[in-house]
Amino acid sequence: PFPWKEWDACGENPDLFLDWEPNDR
């Protein structure tokens, strides 16, 4: 689910969200 609390806490700045990459599995 979208992390609304974190979104608000970081001032709606997507650059503060960590980049996620899928593993091989």
mmCIF file of all heavy atoms, coordinates in Angstrom:
data_MODEL
# 
_entry.id   MODEL 
# 
loop_
_atom_site.group_PDB 
_atom_site.id 
_atom_site.type_symbol 
_atom_site.label_atom_id 
_atom_site.label_alt_id 
_atom_site.label_comp_id 
_atom_site.label_asym_id 
_atom_site.label_entity_id 
_atom_site.label_seq_id 
_atom_site.pdbx_PDB_ins_code 
_atom_site.Cartn_x 
_atom_site.Cartn_y 
_atom_site.Cartn_z 
_atom_site.occupancy 
_atom_site.B_iso_or_equiv 
_atom_site.pdbx_formal_charge 
_atom_site.auth_seq_id 
_atom_site.auth_comp_id 
_atom_site.auth_asym_id 
_atom_site.auth_atom_id 
_atom_site.pdbx_PDB_model_num 
ATOM 1   N N   . PRO A 1 1  ? 0.832  -1.207  0.000   1.00 0.00 ? 1  PRO A N   1 
ATOM 2   C CA  . PRO A 1 1  ? 0.000  0.000   0.000   1.00 0.00 ? 1  PRO A CA  1 
ATOM 3   C C   . PRO A 1 1  ? 0.868  1.259   0.000   1.00 0.00 ? 1  PRO A C   1 
ATOM 4   O O   . PRO A 1 1  ? 1.997  1.246   0.486   1.00 0.00 ? 1  PRO A O   1 
ATOM 5   C CB  . PRO A 1 1  ? -0.802 -0.089  1.297   1.00 0.00 ? 1  PRO A CB  1 
ATOM 6   C CG  . PRO A 1 1  ? -0.454 -1.373  1.938   1.00 0.00 ? 1  PRO A CG  1 
ATOM 7   C CD  . PRO A 1 1  ? 0.700  -1.981  1.217   1.00 0.00 ? 1  PRO A CD  1 
ATOM 8   N N   . PHE A 1 2  ? 0.337  2.317   -0.563  1.00 0.00 ? 2  PHE A N   1 
ATOM 9   C CA  . PHE A 1 2  ? 1.113  3.556   -0.599  1.00 0.00 ? 2  PHE A CA  1 
ATOM 10  C C   . PHE A 1 2  ? 1.338  4.062   0.832   1.00 0.00 ? 2  PHE A C   1 
ATOM 11  O O   . PHE A 1 2  ? 0.404  4.156   1.626   1.00 0.00 ? 2  PHE A O   1 
ATOM 12  C CB  . PHE A 1 2  ? 0.400  4.633   -1.423  1.00 0.00 ? 2  PHE A CB  1 
ATOM 13  C CG  . PHE A 1 2  ? 1.272  5.820   -1.663  1.00 0.00 ? 2  PHE A CG  1 
ATOM 14  C CD1 . PHE A 1 2  ? 2.266  5.778   -2.618  1.00 0.00 ? 2  PHE A CD1 1 
ATOM 15  C CD2 . PHE A 1 2  ? 1.126  6.974   -0.903  1.00 0.00 ? 2  PHE A CD2 1 
ATOM 16  C CE1 . PHE A 1 2  ? 3.107  6.868   -2.830  1.00 0.00 ? 2  PHE A CE1 1 
ATOM 17  C CE2 . PHE A 1 2  ? 1.956  8.067   -1.107  1.00 0.00 ? 2  PHE A CE2 1 
ATOM 18  C CZ  . PHE A 1 2  ? 2.940  8.008   -2.075  1.00 0.00 ? 2  PHE A CZ  1 
ATOM 19  N N   . PRO A 1 3  ? 2.575  4.421   1.180   1.00 0.00 ? 3  PRO A N   1 
ATOM 20  C CA  . PRO A 1 3  ? 2.901  4.872   2.543   1.00 0.00 ? 3  PRO A CA  1 
ATOM 21  C C   . PRO A 1 3  ? 2.534  6.347   2.767   1.00 0.00 ? 3  PRO A C   1 
ATOM 22  O O   . PRO A 1 3  ? 3.386  7.231   2.733   1.00 0.00 ? 3  PRO A O   1 
ATOM 23  C CB  . PRO A 1 3  ? 4.403  4.627   2.636   1.00 0.00 ? 3  PRO A CB  1 
ATOM 24  C CG  . PRO A 1 3  ? 4.882  4.772   1.228   1.00 0.00 ? 3  PRO A CG  1 
ATOM 25  C CD  . PRO A 1 3  ? 3.768  4.280   0.354   1.00 0.00 ? 3  PRO A CD  1 
ATOM 26  N N   . TRP A 1 4  ? 1.273  6.616   3.010   1.00 0.00 ? 4  TRP A N   1 
ATOM 27  C CA  . TRP A 1 4  ? 0.782  7.992   3.133   1.00 0.00 ? 4  TRP A CA  1 
ATOM 28  C C   . TRP A 1 4  ? 1.437  8.761   4.275   1.00 0.00 ? 4  TRP A C   1 
ATOM 29  O O   . TRP A 1 4  ? 1.753  9.944   4.124   1.00 0.00 ? 4  TRP A O   1 
ATOM 30  C CB  . TRP A 1 4  ? -0.740 8.007   3.301   1.00 0.00 ? 4  TRP A CB  1 
ATOM 31  C CG  . TRP A 1 4  ? -1.438 7.579   2.063   1.00 0.00 ? 4  TRP A CG  1 
ATOM 32  C CD1 . TRP A 1 4  ? -2.060 6.390   1.827   1.00 0.00 ? 4  TRP A CD1 1 
ATOM 33  C CD2 . TRP A 1 4  ? -1.568 8.329   0.842   1.00 0.00 ? 4  TRP A CD2 1 
ATOM 34  N NE1 . TRP A 1 4  ? -2.563 6.366   0.545   1.00 0.00 ? 4  TRP A NE1 1 
ATOM 35  C CE2 . TRP A 1 4  ? -2.279 7.533   -0.074  1.00 0.00 ? 4  TRP A CE2 1 
ATOM 36  C CE3 . TRP A 1 4  ? -1.134 9.599   0.443   1.00 0.00 ? 4  TRP A CE3 1 
ATOM 37  C CZ2 . TRP A 1 4  ? -2.582 7.965   -1.365  1.00 0.00 ? 4  TRP A CZ2 1 
ATOM 38  C CZ3 . TRP A 1 4  ? -1.443 10.021  -0.840  1.00 0.00 ? 4  TRP A CZ3 1 
ATOM 39  C CH2 . TRP A 1 4  ? -2.158 9.221   -1.726  1.00 0.00 ? 4  TRP A CH2 1 
ATOM 40  N N   . LYS A 1 5  ? 1.670  8.109   5.411   1.00 0.00 ? 5  LYS A N   1 
ATOM 41  C CA  . LYS A 1 5  ? 2.305  8.807   6.544   1.00 0.00 ? 5  LYS A CA  1 
ATOM 42  C C   . LYS A 1 5  ? 3.711  9.281   6.174   1.00 0.00 ? 5  LYS A C   1 
ATOM 43  O O   . LYS A 1 5  ? 4.089  10.409  6.459   1.00 0.00 ? 5  LYS A O   1 
ATOM 44  C CB  . LYS A 1 5  ? 2.360  7.901   7.777   1.00 0.00 ? 5  LYS A CB  1 
ATOM 45  C CG  . LYS A 1 5  ? 1.025  7.666   8.415   1.00 0.00 ? 5  LYS A CG  1 
ATOM 46  C CD  . LYS A 1 5  ? 1.160  6.761   9.629   1.00 0.00 ? 5  LYS A CD  1 
ATOM 47  C CE  . LYS A 1 5  ? -0.198 6.404   10.180  1.00 0.00 ? 5  LYS A CE  1 
ATOM 48  N NZ  . LYS A 1 5  ? -0.114 5.464   11.292  1.00 0.00 ? 5  LYS A NZ  1 
ATOM 49  N N   . GLU A 1 6  ? 4.480  8.398   5.534   1.00 0.00 ? 6  GLU A N   1 
ATOM 50  C CA  . GLU A 1 6  ? 5.832  8.751   5.126   1.00 0.00 ? 6  GLU A CA  1 
ATOM 51  C C   . GLU A 1 6  ? 5.807  9.843   4.053   1.00 0.00 ? 6  GLU A C   1 
ATOM 52  O O   . GLU A 1 6  ? 6.648  10.734  4.042   1.00 0.00 ? 6  GLU A O   1 
ATOM 53  C CB  . GLU A 1 6  ? 6.573  7.515   4.601   1.00 0.00 ? 6  GLU A CB  1 
ATOM 54  C CG  . GLU A 1 6  ? 6.888  6.487   5.664   1.00 0.00 ? 6  GLU A CG  1 
ATOM 55  C CD  . GLU A 1 6  ? 5.742  5.518   5.942   1.00 0.00 ? 6  GLU A CD  1 
ATOM 56  O OE1 . GLU A 1 6  ? 4.610  5.739   5.457   1.00 0.00 ? 6  GLU A OE1 1 
ATOM 57  O OE2 . GLU A 1 6  ? 5.975  4.537   6.668   1.00 0.00 ? 6  GLU A OE2 1 
ATOM 58  N N   . TRP A 1 7  ? 4.833  9.768   3.158   1.00 0.00 ? 7  TRP A N   1 
ATOM 59  C CA  . TRP A 1 7  ? 4.658  10.751  2.096   1.00 0.00 ? 7  TRP A CA  1 
ATOM 60  C C   . TRP A 1 7  ? 4.448  12.137  2.697   1.00 0.00 ? 7  TRP A C   1 
ATOM 61  O O   . TRP A 1 7  ? 5.083  13.120  2.295   1.00 0.00 ? 7  TRP A O   1 
ATOM 62  C CB  . TRP A 1 7  ? 3.488  10.336  1.216   1.00 0.00 ? 7  TRP A CB  1 
ATOM 63  C CG  . TRP A 1 7  ? 3.115  11.254  0.106   1.00 0.00 ? 7  TRP A CG  1 
ATOM 64  C CD1 . TRP A 1 7  ? 1.961  11.968  0.002   1.00 0.00 ? 7  TRP A CD1 1 
ATOM 65  C CD2 . TRP A 1 7  ? 3.856  11.546  -1.077  1.00 0.00 ? 7  TRP A CD2 1 
ATOM 66  N NE1 . TRP A 1 7  ? 1.947  12.683  -1.178  1.00 0.00 ? 7  TRP A NE1 1 
ATOM 67  C CE2 . TRP A 1 7  ? 3.101  12.433  -1.852  1.00 0.00 ? 7  TRP A CE2 1 
ATOM 68  C CE3 . TRP A 1 7  ? 5.096  11.134  -1.558  1.00 0.00 ? 7  TRP A CE3 1 
ATOM 69  C CZ2 . TRP A 1 7  ? 3.532  12.926  -3.084  1.00 0.00 ? 7  TRP A CZ2 1 
ATOM 70  C CZ3 . TRP A 1 7  ? 5.523  11.620  -2.779  1.00 0.00 ? 7  TRP A CZ3 1 
ATOM 71  C CH2 . TRP A 1 7  ? 4.750  12.505  -3.523  1.00 0.00 ? 7  TRP A CH2 1 
ATOM 72  N N   . ASP A 1 8  ? 3.558  12.214  3.681   1.00 0.00 ? 8  ASP A N   1 
ATOM 73  C CA  . ASP A 1 8  ? 3.309  13.491  4.354   1.00 0.00 ? 8  ASP A CA  1 
ATOM 74  C C   . ASP A 1 8  ? 4.535  13.956  5.140   1.00 0.00 ? 8  ASP A C   1 
ATOM 75  O O   . ASP A 1 8  ? 4.890  15.133  5.115   1.00 0.00 ? 8  ASP A O   1 
ATOM 76  C CB  . ASP A 1 8  ? 2.096  13.384  5.288   1.00 0.00 ? 8  ASP A CB  1 
ATOM 77  C CG  . ASP A 1 8  ? 0.787  13.223  4.530   1.00 0.00 ? 8  ASP A CG  1 
ATOM 78  O OD1 . ASP A 1 8  ? 0.723  13.605  3.340   1.00 0.00 ? 8  ASP A OD1 1 
ATOM 79  O OD2 . ASP A 1 8  ? -0.178 12.708  5.128   1.00 0.00 ? 8  ASP A OD2 1 
ATOM 80  N N   . ALA A 1 9  ? 5.191  12.997  5.829   1.00 0.00 ? 9  ALA A N   1 
ATOM 81  C CA  . ALA A 1 9  ? 6.344  13.343  6.665   1.00 0.00 ? 9  ALA A CA  1 
ATOM 82  C C   . ALA A 1 9  ? 7.519  13.870  5.843   1.00 0.00 ? 9  ALA A C   1 
ATOM 83  O O   . ALA A 1 9  ? 8.278  14.714  6.325   1.00 0.00 ? 9  ALA A O   1 
ATOM 84  C CB  . ALA A 1 9  ? 6.779  12.127  7.482   1.00 0.00 ? 9  ALA A CB  1 
ATOM 85  N N   . CYS A 1 10 ? 7.662  13.399  4.601   1.00 0.00 ? 10 CYS A N   1 
ATOM 86  C CA  . CYS A 1 10 ? 8.789  13.858  3.778   1.00 0.00 ? 10 CYS A CA  1 
ATOM 87  C C   . CYS A 1 10 ? 8.399  15.036  2.891   1.00 0.00 ? 10 CYS A C   1 
ATOM 88  O O   . CYS A 1 10 ? 9.120  15.388  1.964   1.00 0.00 ? 10 CYS A O   1 
ATOM 89  C CB  . CYS A 1 10 ? 9.384  12.720  2.964   1.00 0.00 ? 10 CYS A CB  1 
ATOM 90  S SG  . CYS A 1 10 ? 8.374  12.140  1.625   1.00 0.00 ? 10 CYS A SG  1 
ATOM 91  N N   . GLY A 1 11 ? 7.261  15.640  3.187   1.00 0.00 ? 11 GLY A N   1 
ATOM 92  C CA  . GLY A 1 11 ? 6.859  16.821  2.446   1.00 0.00 ? 11 GLY A CA  1 
ATOM 93  C C   . GLY A 1 11 ? 6.486  16.545  0.999   1.00 0.00 ? 11 GLY A C   1 
ATOM 94  O O   . GLY A 1 11 ? 6.677  17.392  0.139   1.00 0.00 ? 11 GLY A O   1 
ATOM 95  N N   . GLU A 1 12 ? 5.968  15.336  0.746   1.00 0.00 ? 12 GLU A N   1 
ATOM 96  C CA  . GLU A 1 12 ? 5.556  14.925  -0.601  1.00 0.00 ? 12 GLU A CA  1 
ATOM 97  C C   . GLU A 1 12 ? 6.702  15.003  -1.608  1.00 0.00 ? 12 GLU A C   1 
ATOM 98  O O   . GLU A 1 12 ? 6.519  15.338  -2.770  1.00 0.00 ? 12 GLU A O   1 
ATOM 99  C CB  . GLU A 1 12 ? 4.338  15.710  -1.082  1.00 0.00 ? 12 GLU A CB  1 
ATOM 100 C CG  . GLU A 1 12 ? 3.116  15.514  -0.220  1.00 0.00 ? 12 GLU A CG  1 
ATOM 101 C CD  . GLU A 1 12 ? 1.869  16.206  -0.738  1.00 0.00 ? 12 GLU A CD  1 
ATOM 102 O OE1 . GLU A 1 12 ? 1.909  16.800  -1.832  1.00 0.00 ? 12 GLU A OE1 1 
ATOM 103 O OE2 . GLU A 1 12 ? 0.854  16.148  -0.047  1.00 0.00 ? 12 GLU A OE2 1 
ATOM 104 N N   . ASN A 1 13 ? 7.906  14.675  -1.126  1.00 0.00 ? 13 ASN A N   1 
ATOM 105 C CA  . ASN A 1 13 ? 9.095  14.694  -1.971  1.00 0.00 ? 13 ASN A CA  1 
ATOM 106 C C   . ASN A 1 13 ? 9.476  13.256  -2.324  1.00 0.00 ? 13 ASN A C   1 
ATOM 107 O O   . ASN A 1 13 ? 10.010 12.526  -1.484  1.00 0.00 ? 13 ASN A O   1 
ATOM 108 C CB  . ASN A 1 13 ? 10.252 15.384  -1.250  1.00 0.00 ? 13 ASN A CB  1 
ATOM 109 C CG  . ASN A 1 13 ? 11.486 15.488  -2.103  1.00 0.00 ? 13 ASN A CG  1 
ATOM 110 O OD1 . ASN A 1 13 ? 11.575 14.918  -3.180  1.00 0.00 ? 13 ASN A OD1 1 
ATOM 111 N ND2 . ASN A 1 13 ? 12.472 16.224  -1.611  1.00 0.00 ? 13 ASN A ND2 1 
ATOM 112 N N   . PRO A 1 14 ? 9.224  12.825  -3.562  1.00 0.00 ? 14 PRO A N   1 
ATOM 113 C CA  . PRO A 1 14 ? 9.522  11.431  -3.925  1.00 0.00 ? 14 PRO A CA  1 
ATOM 114 C C   . PRO A 1 14 ? 11.011 11.111  -3.921  1.00 0.00 ? 14 PRO A C   1 
ATOM 115 O O   . PRO A 1 14 ? 11.391 9.942   -3.808  1.00 0.00 ? 14 PRO A O   1 
ATOM 116 C CB  . PRO A 1 14 ? 8.939  11.298  -5.330  1.00 0.00 ? 14 PRO A CB  1 
ATOM 117 C CG  . PRO A 1 14 ? 8.942  12.681  -5.873  1.00 0.00 ? 14 PRO A CG  1 
ATOM 118 C CD  . PRO A 1 14 ? 8.704  13.581  -4.687  1.00 0.00 ? 14 PRO A CD  1 
ATOM 119 N N   . ASP A 1 15 ? 11.868 12.110  -4.002  1.00 0.00 ? 15 ASP A N   1 
ATOM 120 C CA  . ASP A 1 15 ? 13.306 11.867  -3.980  1.00 0.00 ? 15 ASP A CA  1 
ATOM 121 C C   . ASP A 1 15 ? 13.775 11.347  -2.628  1.00 0.00 ? 15 ASP A C   1 
ATOM 122 O O   . ASP A 1 15 ? 14.861 10.775  -2.524  1.00 0.00 ? 15 ASP A O   1 
ATOM 123 C CB  . ASP A 1 15 ? 14.079 13.133  -4.361  1.00 0.00 ? 15 ASP A CB  1 
ATOM 124 C CG  . ASP A 1 15 ? 13.800 13.551  -5.798  1.00 0.00 ? 15 ASP A CG  1 
ATOM 125 O OD1 . ASP A 1 15 ? 13.564 12.659  -6.646  1.00 0.00 ? 15 ASP A OD1 1 
ATOM 126 O OD2 . ASP A 1 15 ? 13.786 14.759  -6.074  1.00 0.00 ? 15 ASP A OD2 1 
ATOM 127 N N   . LEU A 1 16 ? 12.959 11.523  -1.592  1.00 0.00 ? 16 LEU A N   1 
ATOM 128 C CA  . LEU A 1 16 ? 13.312 11.023  -0.268  1.00 0.00 ? 16 LEU A CA  1 
ATOM 129 C C   . LEU A 1 16 ? 12.897 9.566   -0.073  1.00 0.00 ? 16 LEU A C   1 
ATOM 130 O O   . LEU A 1 16 ? 13.257 8.947   0.924   1.00 0.00 ? 16 LEU A O   1 
ATOM 131 C CB  . LEU A 1 16 ? 12.689 11.904  0.821   1.00 0.00 ? 16 LEU A CB  1 
ATOM 132 C CG  . LEU A 1 16 ? 13.183 13.349  0.834   1.00 0.00 ? 16 LEU A CG  1 
ATOM 133 C CD1 . LEU A 1 16 ? 12.477 14.148  1.920   1.00 0.00 ? 16 LEU A CD1 1 
ATOM 134 C CD2 . LEU A 1 16 ? 14.687 13.412  1.019   1.00 0.00 ? 16 LEU A CD2 1 
ATOM 135 N N   . PHE A 1 17 ? 12.133 9.015   -1.016  1.00 0.00 ? 17 PHE A N   1 
ATOM 136 C CA  . PHE A 1 17 ? 11.781 7.594   -0.983  1.00 0.00 ? 17 PHE A CA  1 
ATOM 137 C C   . PHE A 1 17 ? 12.971 6.806   -1.531  1.00 0.00 ? 17 PHE A C   1 
ATOM 138 O O   . PHE A 1 17 ? 13.594 7.212   -2.513  1.00 0.00 ? 17 PHE A O   1 
ATOM 139 C CB  . PHE A 1 17 ? 10.559 7.310   -1.859  1.00 0.00 ? 17 PHE A CB  1 
ATOM 140 C CG  . PHE A 1 17 ? 9.240  7.579   -1.199  1.00 0.00 ? 17 PHE A CG  1 
ATOM 141 C CD1 . PHE A 1 17 ? 9.022  8.703   -0.422  1.00 0.00 ? 17 PHE A CD1 1 
ATOM 142 C CD2 . PHE A 1 17 ? 8.185  6.707   -1.373  1.00 0.00 ? 17 PHE A CD2 1 
ATOM 143 C CE1 . PHE A 1 17 ? 7.808  8.955   0.162   1.00 0.00 ? 17 PHE A CE1 1 
ATOM 144 C CE2 . PHE A 1 17 ? 6.959  6.943   -0.793  1.00 0.00 ? 17 PHE A CE2 1 
ATOM 145 C CZ  . PHE A 1 17 ? 6.771  8.064   -0.014  1.00 0.00 ? 17 PHE A CZ  1 
ATOM 146 N N   . LEU A 1 18 ? 13.277 5.694   -0.908  1.00 0.00 ? 18 LEU A N   1 
ATOM 147 C CA  . LEU A 1 18 ? 14.373 4.857   -1.386  1.00 0.00 ? 18 LEU A CA  1 
ATOM 148 C C   . LEU A 1 18 ? 13.981 4.179   -2.689  1.00 0.00 ? 18 LEU A C   1 
ATOM 149 O O   . LEU A 1 18 ? 12.836 3.770   -2.864  1.00 0.00 ? 18 LEU A O   1 
ATOM 150 C CB  . LEU A 1 18 ? 14.717 3.790   -0.349  1.00 0.00 ? 18 LEU A CB  1 
ATOM 151 C CG  . LEU A 1 18 ? 15.292 4.289   0.974   1.00 0.00 ? 18 LEU A CG  1 
ATOM 152 C CD1 . LEU A 1 18 ? 15.492 3.122   1.925   1.00 0.00 ? 18 LEU A CD1 1 
ATOM 153 C CD2 . LEU A 1 18 ? 16.607 5.006   0.735   1.00 0.00 ? 18 LEU A CD2 1 
ATOM 154 N N   . ASP A 1 19 ? 14.944 4.054   -3.592  1.00 0.00 ? 19 ASP A N   1 
ATOM 155 C CA  . ASP A 1 19 ? 14.713 3.299   -4.817  1.00 0.00 ? 19 ASP A CA  1 
ATOM 156 C C   . ASP A 1 19 ? 14.703 1.823   -4.452  1.00 0.00 ? 19 ASP A C   1 
ATOM 157 O O   . ASP A 1 19 ? 15.528 1.361   -3.669  1.00 0.00 ? 19 ASP A O   1 
ATOM 158 C CB  . ASP A 1 19 ? 15.813 3.564   -5.839  1.00 0.00 ? 19 ASP A CB  1 
ATOM 159 C CG  . ASP A 1 19 ? 15.724 4.958   -6.430  1.00 0.00 ? 19 ASP A CG  1 
ATOM 160 O OD1 . ASP A 1 19 ? 14.591 5.453   -6.600  1.00 0.00 ? 19 ASP A OD1 1 
ATOM 161 O OD2 . ASP A 1 19 ? 16.772 5.547   -6.723  1.00 0.00 ? 19 ASP A OD2 1 
ATOM 162 N N   . TRP A 1 20 ? 13.762 1.102   -4.998  1.00 0.00 ? 20 TRP A N   1 
ATOM 163 C CA  . TRP A 1 20 ? 13.647 -0.328  -4.728  1.00 0.00 ? 20 TRP A CA  1 
ATOM 164 C C   . TRP A 1 20 ? 13.884 -1.096  -6.016  1.00 0.00 ? 20 TRP A C   1 
ATOM 165 O O   . TRP A 1 20 ? 13.358 -0.736  -7.071  1.00 0.00 ? 20 TRP A O   1 
ATOM 166 C CB  . TRP A 1 20 ? 12.258 -0.641  -4.167  1.00 0.00 ? 20 TRP A CB  1 
ATOM 167 C CG  . TRP A 1 20 ? 12.055 -2.098  -3.951  1.00 0.00 ? 20 TRP A CG  1 
ATOM 168 C CD1 . TRP A 1 20 ? 12.426 -2.820  -2.865  1.00 0.00 ? 20 TRP A CD1 1 
ATOM 169 C CD2 . TRP A 1 20 ? 11.460 -3.012  -4.863  1.00 0.00 ? 20 TRP A CD2 1 
ATOM 170 N NE1 . TRP A 1 20 ? 12.104 -4.136  -3.049  1.00 0.00 ? 20 TRP A NE1 1 
ATOM 171 C CE2 . TRP A 1 20 ? 11.503 -4.275  -4.280  1.00 0.00 ? 20 TRP A CE2 1 
ATOM 172 C CE3 . TRP A 1 20 ? 10.900 -2.883  -6.130  1.00 0.00 ? 20 TRP A CE3 1 
ATOM 173 C CZ2 . TRP A 1 20 ? 11.012 -5.407  -4.896  1.00 0.00 ? 20 TRP A CZ2 1 
ATOM 174 C CZ3 . TRP A 1 20 ? 10.406 -4.007  -6.754  1.00 0.00 ? 20 TRP A CZ3 1 
ATOM 175 C CH2 . TRP A 1 20 ? 10.466 -5.261  -6.129  1.00 0.00 ? 20 TRP A CH2 1 
ATOM 176 N N   . GLU A 1 21 ? 14.678 -2.142  -5.949  1.00 0.00 ? 21 GLU A N   1 
ATOM 177 C CA  . GLU A 1 21 ? 14.953 -2.995  -7.098  1.00 0.00 ? 21 GLU A CA  1 
ATOM 178 C C   . GLU A 1 21 ? 14.583 -4.428  -6.741  1.00 0.00 ? 21 GLU A C   1 
ATOM 179 O O   . GLU A 1 21 ? 14.922 -4.910  -5.654  1.00 0.00 ? 21 GLU A O   1 
ATOM 180 C CB  . GLU A 1 21 ? 16.446 -2.936  -7.466  1.00 0.00 ? 21 GLU A CB  1 
ATOM 181 C CG  . GLU A 1 21 ? 16.885 -1.615  -8.039  1.00 0.00 ? 21 GLU A CG  1 
ATOM 182 C CD  . GLU A 1 21 ? 16.287 -1.340  -9.407  1.00 0.00 ? 21 GLU A CD  1 
ATOM 183 O OE1 . GLU A 1 21 ? 16.103 -2.286  -10.195 1.00 0.00 ? 21 GLU A OE1 1 
ATOM 184 O OE2 . GLU A 1 21 ? 15.996 -0.161  -9.682  1.00 0.00 ? 21 GLU A OE2 1 
ATOM 185 N N   . PRO A 1 22 ? 13.917 -5.139  -7.648  1.00 0.00 ? 22 PRO A N   1 
ATOM 186 C CA  . PRO A 1 22 ? 13.571 -6.539  -7.362  1.00 0.00 ? 22 PRO A CA  1 
ATOM 187 C C   . PRO A 1 22 ? 14.813 -7.426  -7.350  1.00 0.00 ? 22 PRO A C   1 
ATOM 188 O O   . PRO A 1 22 ? 15.757 -7.199  -8.098  1.00 0.00 ? 22 PRO A O   1 
ATOM 189 C CB  . PRO A 1 22 ? 12.642 -6.916  -8.517  1.00 0.00 ? 22 PRO A CB  1 
ATOM 190 C CG  . PRO A 1 22 ? 12.986 -5.983  -9.621  1.00 0.00 ? 22 PRO A CG  1 
ATOM 191 C CD  . PRO A 1 22 ? 13.447 -4.708  -8.955  1.00 0.00 ? 22 PRO A CD  1 
ATOM 192 N N   . ASN A 1 23 ? 14.767 -8.437  -6.480  1.00 0.00 ? 23 ASN A N   1 
ATOM 193 C CA  . ASN A 1 23 ? 15.864 -9.400  -6.440  1.00 0.00 ? 23 ASN A CA  1 
ATOM 194 C C   . ASN A 1 23 ? 15.666 -10.435 -7.557  1.00 0.00 ? 23 ASN A C   1 
ATOM 195 O O   . ASN A 1 23 ? 14.674 -10.398 -8.297  1.00 0.00 ? 23 ASN A O   1 
ATOM 196 C CB  . ASN A 1 23 ? 15.972 -10.052 -5.056  1.00 0.00 ? 23 ASN A CB  1 
ATOM 197 C CG  . ASN A 1 23 ? 14.718 -10.808 -4.658  1.00 0.00 ? 23 ASN A CG  1 
ATOM 198 O OD1 . ASN A 1 23 ? 13.899 -11.194 -5.498  1.00 0.00 ? 23 ASN A OD1 1 
ATOM 199 N ND2 . ASN A 1 23 ? 14.538 -11.015 -3.366  1.00 0.00 ? 23 ASN A ND2 1 
ATOM 200 N N   . ASP A 1 24 ? 16.598 -11.377 -7.699  1.00 0.00 ? 24 ASP A N   1 
ATOM 201 C CA  . ASP A 1 24 ? 16.530 -12.364 -8.780  1.00 0.00 ? 24 ASP A CA  1 
ATOM 202 C C   . ASP A 1 24 ? 15.293 -13.254 -8.667  1.00 0.00 ? 24 ASP A C   1 
ATOM 203 O O   . ASP A 1 24 ? 14.711 -13.639 -9.681  1.00 0.00 ? 24 ASP A O   1 
ATOM 204 C CB  . ASP A 1 24 ? 17.792 -13.226 -8.812  1.00 0.00 ? 24 ASP A CB  1 
ATOM 205 C CG  . ASP A 1 24 ? 18.998 -12.461 -9.314  1.00 0.00 ? 24 ASP A CG  1 
ATOM 206 O OD1 . ASP A 1 24 ? 18.816 -11.414 -9.985  1.00 0.00 ? 24 ASP A OD1 1 
ATOM 207 O OD2 . ASP A 1 24 ? 20.137 -12.892 -9.036  1.00 0.00 ? 24 ASP A OD2 1 
ATOM 208 N N   . ARG A 1 25 ? 14.896 -13.581 -7.448  1.00 0.00 ? 25 ARG A N   1 
ATOM 209 C CA  . ARG A 1 25 ? 13.706 -14.430 -7.263  1.00 0.00 ? 25 ARG A CA  1 
ATOM 210 C C   . ARG A 1 25 ? 12.467 -13.717 -7.771  1.00 0.00 ? 25 ARG A C   1 
ATOM 211 O O   . ARG A 1 25 ? 11.639 -14.315 -8.462  1.00 0.00 ? 25 ARG A O   1 
ATOM 212 C CB  . ARG A 1 25 ? 13.564 -14.809 -5.790  1.00 0.00 ? 25 ARG A CB  1 
ATOM 213 C CG  . ARG A 1 25 ? 12.367 -15.684 -5.523  1.00 0.00 ? 25 ARG A CG  1 
ATOM 214 C CD  . ARG A 1 25 ? 12.351 -16.267 -4.144  1.00 0.00 ? 25 ARG A CD  1 
ATOM 215 N NE  . ARG A 1 25 ? 12.648 -15.291 -3.122  1.00 0.00 ? 25 ARG A NE  1 
ATOM 216 C CZ  . ARG A 1 25 ? 12.725 -15.580 -1.828  1.00 0.00 ? 25 ARG A CZ  1 
ATOM 217 N NH1 . ARG A 1 25 ? 12.527 -16.815 -1.418  1.00 0.00 ? 25 ARG A NH1 1 
ATOM 218 N NH2 . ARG A 1 25 ? 12.991 -14.652 -0.948  1.00 0.00 ? 25 ARG A NH2 1 
# 
